[in-house]
Protein backbone atom coordinates (compact mmCIF):
# COMPACT_ATOMS: atom_id res chain seq x y z
CA MET A 1 114.81 138.59 120.25
CA ALA A 2 116.12 138.74 123.62
CA ASN A 3 117.76 142.43 123.12
CA GLU A 4 114.59 143.80 120.86
CA PHE A 5 113.74 145.84 123.99
CA ALA A 6 117.65 146.57 125.59
CA ASN A 7 117.14 149.95 124.83
CA ASP A 8 113.81 150.58 125.85
CA PRO A 9 113.29 153.37 128.45
CA PHE A 10 110.31 152.29 129.71
CA VAL A 11 110.23 152.32 133.52
CA GLY A 12 106.71 151.13 134.37
CA GLU A 13 104.96 154.74 136.09
CA ILE A 14 102.80 156.93 134.25
CA GLY A 15 105.19 160.54 134.05
CA GLY A 16 108.40 158.66 134.31
CA ASN A 17 108.14 156.67 130.90
CA ILE A 18 109.36 159.48 128.64
CA PRO A 19 113.11 160.34 128.26
CA LYS A 20 114.96 163.87 127.28
CA ASN A 21 114.55 164.44 123.97
CA LYS A 22 117.99 167.09 122.23
CA GLU A 23 115.66 170.17 122.16
CA GLU A 24 115.11 169.37 126.10
CA MET A 25 118.82 168.53 126.34
CA GLU A 26 119.50 171.98 124.72
CA GLU A 27 116.92 174.01 126.83
CA ASP A 28 118.53 172.59 130.05
CA LEU A 29 122.22 173.05 129.04
CA LEU A 30 121.38 177.06 127.64
CA GLU A 31 119.78 177.57 130.91
CA PHE A 32 123.29 176.00 133.12
CA LEU A 33 125.35 178.49 130.78
CA TYR A 34 123.26 181.56 131.44
CA GLN A 35 123.80 180.53 135.53
CA ARG A 36 126.96 179.80 134.83
CA TRP A 37 127.81 183.53 132.73
CA LEU A 38 125.90 184.97 135.97
CA ASP A 39 127.55 183.46 138.85
CA GLY A 40 131.13 184.46 136.54
CA LYS A 41 132.23 180.52 136.20
CA SER A 42 134.39 179.68 133.57
CA MET A 43 132.52 178.51 129.99
CA LYS A 44 135.44 176.08 128.55
CA ALA A 45 133.23 173.02 127.19
CA ALA A 46 136.07 170.59 129.21
CA ASP A 47 134.86 172.47 132.37
CA ILE A 48 131.10 172.28 131.39
CA ALA A 49 131.21 168.78 130.35
CA VAL A 50 132.08 167.87 134.04
CA ASP A 51 129.88 169.73 135.66
CA PHE A 52 126.59 169.18 133.69
CA GLY A 53 127.61 165.72 133.83
CA ILE A 54 127.42 164.23 130.03
CA SER A 55 130.43 163.17 127.70
CA LYS A 56 132.56 165.54 125.37
CA VAL A 57 131.08 163.98 122.97
CA GLU A 58 127.39 164.63 123.89
CA LEU A 59 128.33 168.10 124.83
CA ASN A 60 129.75 168.77 121.55
CA GLY A 61 126.79 167.91 119.56
CA LEU A 62 124.51 170.06 121.87
CA LEU A 63 127.21 173.22 121.05
CA ARG A 64 126.88 172.49 117.33
CA ARG A 65 122.85 173.09 117.91
CA MET A 66 123.26 175.54 119.94
CA VAL A 67 125.52 177.82 117.69
CA ARG A 68 122.96 176.92 114.76
CA HIS A 69 120.08 178.45 116.66
CA ASN A 70 122.18 181.39 117.69
CA TYR A 71 122.47 180.76 121.81
CA LEU A 72 126.43 180.96 121.48
CA LYS A 73 128.94 182.57 118.98
CA GLU A 74 131.08 180.46 116.90
CA VAL A 75 133.06 177.59 118.87
CA ILE A 76 136.84 177.70 119.66
CA PRO A 77 138.68 175.20 120.39
CA LYS A 78 139.70 175.24 124.52
CA GLU A 79 138.67 178.92 123.94
CA GLU A 80 135.53 180.15 126.63
CA LEU A 81 132.13 180.13 124.68
CA ILE A 82 130.28 183.05 124.39
CA MET A 83 126.73 183.42 124.81
CA THR A 84 124.78 185.66 122.09
CA ASP A 85 122.42 188.30 123.66
CA PHE A 86 120.00 186.02 122.23
CA GLY A 87 121.00 183.21 123.46
CA LYS A 88 121.68 185.15 126.97
CA ALA A 89 117.59 186.08 127.06
CA GLN A 90 116.21 182.87 126.40
CA GLY A 91 118.80 181.67 128.85
CA MET A 92 116.97 184.24 131.41
CA GLU A 93 113.56 182.70 130.36
CA CYS A 94 114.65 179.03 131.21
CA LEU A 95 115.82 179.84 134.09
CA HIS A 96 112.69 182.43 135.39
CA ARG A 97 110.45 179.15 134.05
CA HIS A 98 112.61 176.52 136.33
CA GLU A 99 112.34 178.97 139.41
CA ASN A 100 108.56 179.62 139.12
CA LEU A 101 107.52 176.46 138.49
CA THR A 102 109.62 174.75 140.93
CA THR A 103 108.14 177.64 143.78
CA PHE A 104 104.70 176.94 142.20
CA LEU A 105 105.18 172.92 142.68
CA GLN A 106 106.47 173.33 146.29
CA LEU A 107 103.51 175.04 146.90
CA VAL A 108 100.83 173.31 145.41
CA SER A 109 102.08 169.91 146.67
CA GLY A 110 103.96 169.84 149.29
CA MET A 111 107.08 168.74 147.13
CA GLU A 112 111.03 168.97 148.79
CA LEU A 113 113.16 170.90 146.37
CA GLU A 114 114.97 168.65 144.99
CA GLN A 115 112.10 166.91 143.91
CA ALA A 116 110.34 169.65 142.57
CA GLU A 117 113.30 170.80 140.91
CA GLU A 118 113.19 167.56 138.88
CA ASN A 119 109.72 167.89 137.60
CA ALA A 120 110.67 171.74 136.43
CA CYS A 121 113.01 170.23 134.63
CA ARG A 122 110.31 168.22 132.35
CA LEU A 123 107.91 170.62 132.87
CA GLU A 124 109.16 174.27 131.37
CA HIS A 125 109.84 173.02 128.17
CA ILE A 126 106.12 172.08 127.11
CA ILE A 127 104.17 174.88 128.43
CA ASP A 128 103.09 177.71 126.66
CA LYS A 129 103.76 181.29 127.61
CA GLN A 130 100.41 182.43 129.11
CA ALA A 131 100.51 178.80 131.24
CA VAL A 132 103.89 180.44 132.56
CA GLN A 133 102.48 183.66 133.31
CA GLY A 134 99.36 182.42 135.02
CA ILE A 135 102.07 180.14 137.48
CA MET A 136 104.04 183.62 137.86
CA ASP A 137 100.80 185.21 138.87
CA PHE A 138 100.16 182.83 141.50
CA VAL A 139 103.37 182.44 142.80
CA ARG A 140 103.71 186.24 143.76
CA HIS A 141 100.33 187.00 144.07
CA GLY A 142 98.40 184.03 145.35
CA ASP A 143 95.40 182.00 143.93
CA VAL A 144 93.26 186.03 144.32
CA TYR A 145 92.65 186.84 140.57
CA GLU A 146 89.66 185.60 138.54
CA ARG A 147 89.98 183.32 135.74
CA LYS A 148 87.92 181.99 133.42
CA VAL A 149 87.66 178.38 133.06
CA LYS A 150 86.07 176.06 130.15
CA TYR A 151 84.84 172.27 129.98
CA LEU A 152 85.06 172.12 133.95
CA ASP A 153 83.84 168.87 135.15
CA LEU A 154 82.48 169.50 138.78
CA ARG A 155 83.01 165.93 139.59
CA GLU A 156 86.50 167.28 140.16
CA MET A 157 85.06 169.62 143.29
CA TYR A 158 81.98 168.45 144.71
CA ALA A 159 81.69 165.03 146.13
CA PRO A 160 78.71 162.84 144.46
CA GLY A 161 75.15 164.26 145.44
CA GLU A 162 73.24 167.39 144.70
CA TYR A 163 73.67 171.05 145.69
CA GLY A 164 71.11 173.70 144.80
CA VAL A 165 71.87 176.41 142.32
CA CYS A 166 71.05 180.04 142.24
CA THR A 167 69.68 180.75 138.85
CA ILE A 168 69.27 184.09 136.79
CA LEU A 169 68.55 184.51 132.85
CA TYR A 170 69.56 187.61 131.52
CA ARG A 171 68.96 189.43 128.22
CA VAL A 172 71.66 188.64 125.25
CA GLY A 173 74.15 191.36 125.23
CA GLU A 174 73.35 193.04 127.58
CA ARG A 175 76.30 193.52 129.89
CA SER A 176 76.63 197.07 131.22
CA PRO A 177 74.63 196.58 133.47
CA ARG A 178 73.16 193.30 132.92
CA ILE A 179 69.23 193.57 132.23
CA LEU A 180 67.11 190.82 133.77
CA ALA A 181 64.99 188.55 131.21
CA ARG A 182 61.45 189.56 131.12
CA GLU A 183 60.70 185.93 131.19
CA GLN A 184 61.96 183.46 133.85
CA TYR A 185 61.56 180.23 131.89
CA PHE A 186 63.25 178.23 134.85
CA GLN A 187 62.21 177.16 138.39
CA ASP A 188 64.40 180.14 140.41
CA GLU A 189 66.61 177.16 141.54
CA GLY A 190 67.81 174.17 139.95
CA ILE A 191 70.35 171.25 141.13
CA LEU A 192 73.64 170.36 140.24
CA VAL A 193 73.87 166.22 140.18
CA VAL A 194 77.51 164.87 140.81
CA ASN A 195 77.64 161.35 140.13
CA GLU A 196 80.65 158.75 138.41
CA GLU A 197 79.31 159.15 135.53
CA ARG A 198 79.46 162.61 135.07
CA SER A 199 78.12 166.62 136.39
CA CYS A 200 75.35 168.04 134.99
CA PHE A 201 72.52 170.53 135.66
CA TRP A 202 69.04 169.36 136.12
CA TYR A 203 66.14 172.22 135.40
CA LYS A 204 62.53 172.27 135.52
CA LEU A 205 60.80 174.94 133.36
CA ARG A 206 57.82 176.58 135.23
CA GLU A 207 54.20 175.27 135.10
CA GLU A 208 53.40 177.27 132.32
CA LYS A 209 56.59 177.02 129.89
CA LYS A 210 56.75 173.27 130.07
CA ARG A 211 56.13 173.23 126.50
CA LEU A 212 59.19 174.52 125.61
CA ILE A 213 62.09 172.94 124.08
CA VAL A 214 65.24 173.49 125.58
CA TRP A 215 68.95 173.99 123.75
CA TYR A 216 72.21 175.33 124.80
CA LYS A 217 75.26 176.25 123.38
CA LYS A 218 78.28 173.97 123.22
CA ASN A 219 81.45 174.96 120.84
CA GLU A 220 79.22 177.08 119.08
CA GLN A 221 76.52 174.36 118.05
CA TRP A 222 73.49 174.43 119.41
CA VAL A 223 72.88 171.07 121.26
CA LYS A 224 68.60 169.75 122.06
CA ALA A 225 68.96 169.48 125.97
CA GLU A 226 68.10 165.99 127.42
CA LYS A 227 64.75 165.51 128.98
CA VAL A 228 65.46 163.14 132.26
CA GLU A 229 63.29 162.58 135.44
CA HIS A 230 64.56 163.53 138.52
CA PRO A 231 66.60 161.41 140.39
CA LYS A 232 64.81 161.31 143.14
CA GLN A 233 61.14 163.16 142.37
CA PRO A 234 58.34 161.73 139.46
CA GLU A 235 58.74 164.87 137.56
CA TYR A 236 61.19 166.42 134.21
CA GLY A 237 63.33 168.62 133.46
CA TYR A 238 66.19 169.18 131.49
CA ILE A 239 69.92 168.42 131.23
CA LEU A 240 72.64 170.57 131.38
CA PRO A 241 76.25 169.58 131.12
CA THR A 242 78.84 171.31 133.37
CA THR A 243 81.01 170.96 130.56
CA SER A 244 79.44 173.04 128.08
CA PHE A 245 78.89 176.52 130.88
CA THR A 246 82.48 178.86 131.23
CA PHE A 247 83.08 179.41 134.95
CA THR A 248 84.73 182.00 136.32
CA THR A 249 86.39 181.73 139.94
CA SER A 250 88.82 183.05 142.41
CA ALA A 251 89.79 182.03 145.98
CA ALA A 252 88.09 185.36 146.94
CA MET A 253 85.27 184.58 145.66
CA PRO A 254 82.70 182.35 148.29
CA PHE A 255 81.02 181.20 145.08
CA LEU A 256 81.42 179.79 141.60
CA GLU A 257 79.63 181.46 138.50
CA GLY A 258 78.52 179.84 135.40
CA THR A 259 77.56 180.98 132.31
CA LEU A 260 75.66 179.01 129.28
CA MET A 261 73.84 180.62 126.20
CA VAL A 262 70.73 178.83 126.20
CA GLY A 263 67.84 178.65 123.42
CA LEU A 264 64.00 178.14 124.03
CA THR A 265 61.64 177.29 121.11
CA MET A 266 58.15 175.93 120.94
CA TRP A 267 58.83 173.61 118.31
CA ASP A 268 61.79 171.25 117.14
CA GLU A 269 63.74 174.00 115.19
CA LEU A 270 67.33 175.93 116.37
CA PRO A 271 66.95 179.03 118.37
CA ALA A 272 66.75 182.45 116.75
CA VAL A 273 68.30 185.52 118.41
CA GLU A 274 64.81 186.38 120.12
CA ASN A 275 64.74 182.86 121.82
CA CYS A 276 68.03 183.17 123.28
CA ARG A 277 69.04 183.72 126.81
CA GLU A 278 72.09 184.47 128.97
CA LEU A 279 71.68 181.64 132.07
CA PHE A 280 73.94 182.33 134.97
CA VAL A 281 74.41 180.14 137.64
CA TYR A 282 75.87 180.51 140.97
CA LEU A 283 77.37 177.84 143.55
CA LEU A 284 79.14 177.68 146.93
CA GLN A 285 82.77 176.41 146.22
CA LYS A 286 83.45 174.13 148.03
């Protein structure tokens, strides 16, 4: 029992408990070899083992994997390693990921170079091309381009409290140009409520529409909105979770735009097409 946890890699802090697997080590070595090839340095296995900081046995295991994955040509003892064209292309991808992630982490977190490189070294193996492209765009152009975000909990952006929300209803499918719905069912301004439990929009129906039932679409399914009392006043309205909206934002926009498909019915039945509207909300960015 004394040696039961002798090889346990746990270090105590979230983010530092996962050791590198063989795939990560292989990609690290691929990046290292590509940089070495670019610099015109020795590609002999003995030199690489010393500079990469692993034993010859570990290196030989990784080299066999790299030959199998077509990153390297067949290894000849004591001869220089030769990267394939595919290996060079993938090595370049690894290097670009590493460099952009390193820069990104320094920009957004204030990390020193060494710490940013250590973190980039782990991240580069697990994020996909779309994530890398977004980071590259940020590094090159800054946070100035529009982007859409789903399932956004506004507790991450707004302190607990209530915020006024500009609200507009549009007819479904009318985008160029957008056409306002003939009837405006909600009061002109809603309320963003942020507390420890959740972030949501609270809407009061107009007096002549109070008998209607409000629905909203989440994950392509209709959900009946919860009817609750206003946090501070003796009147009732409907709750729409912020996580059900799709938000559009950029640093160049002074406001956060959210969209949600809503339905309004007289009876307890799923909304038909004619009962649907696109709800747009506009919030000043904090």
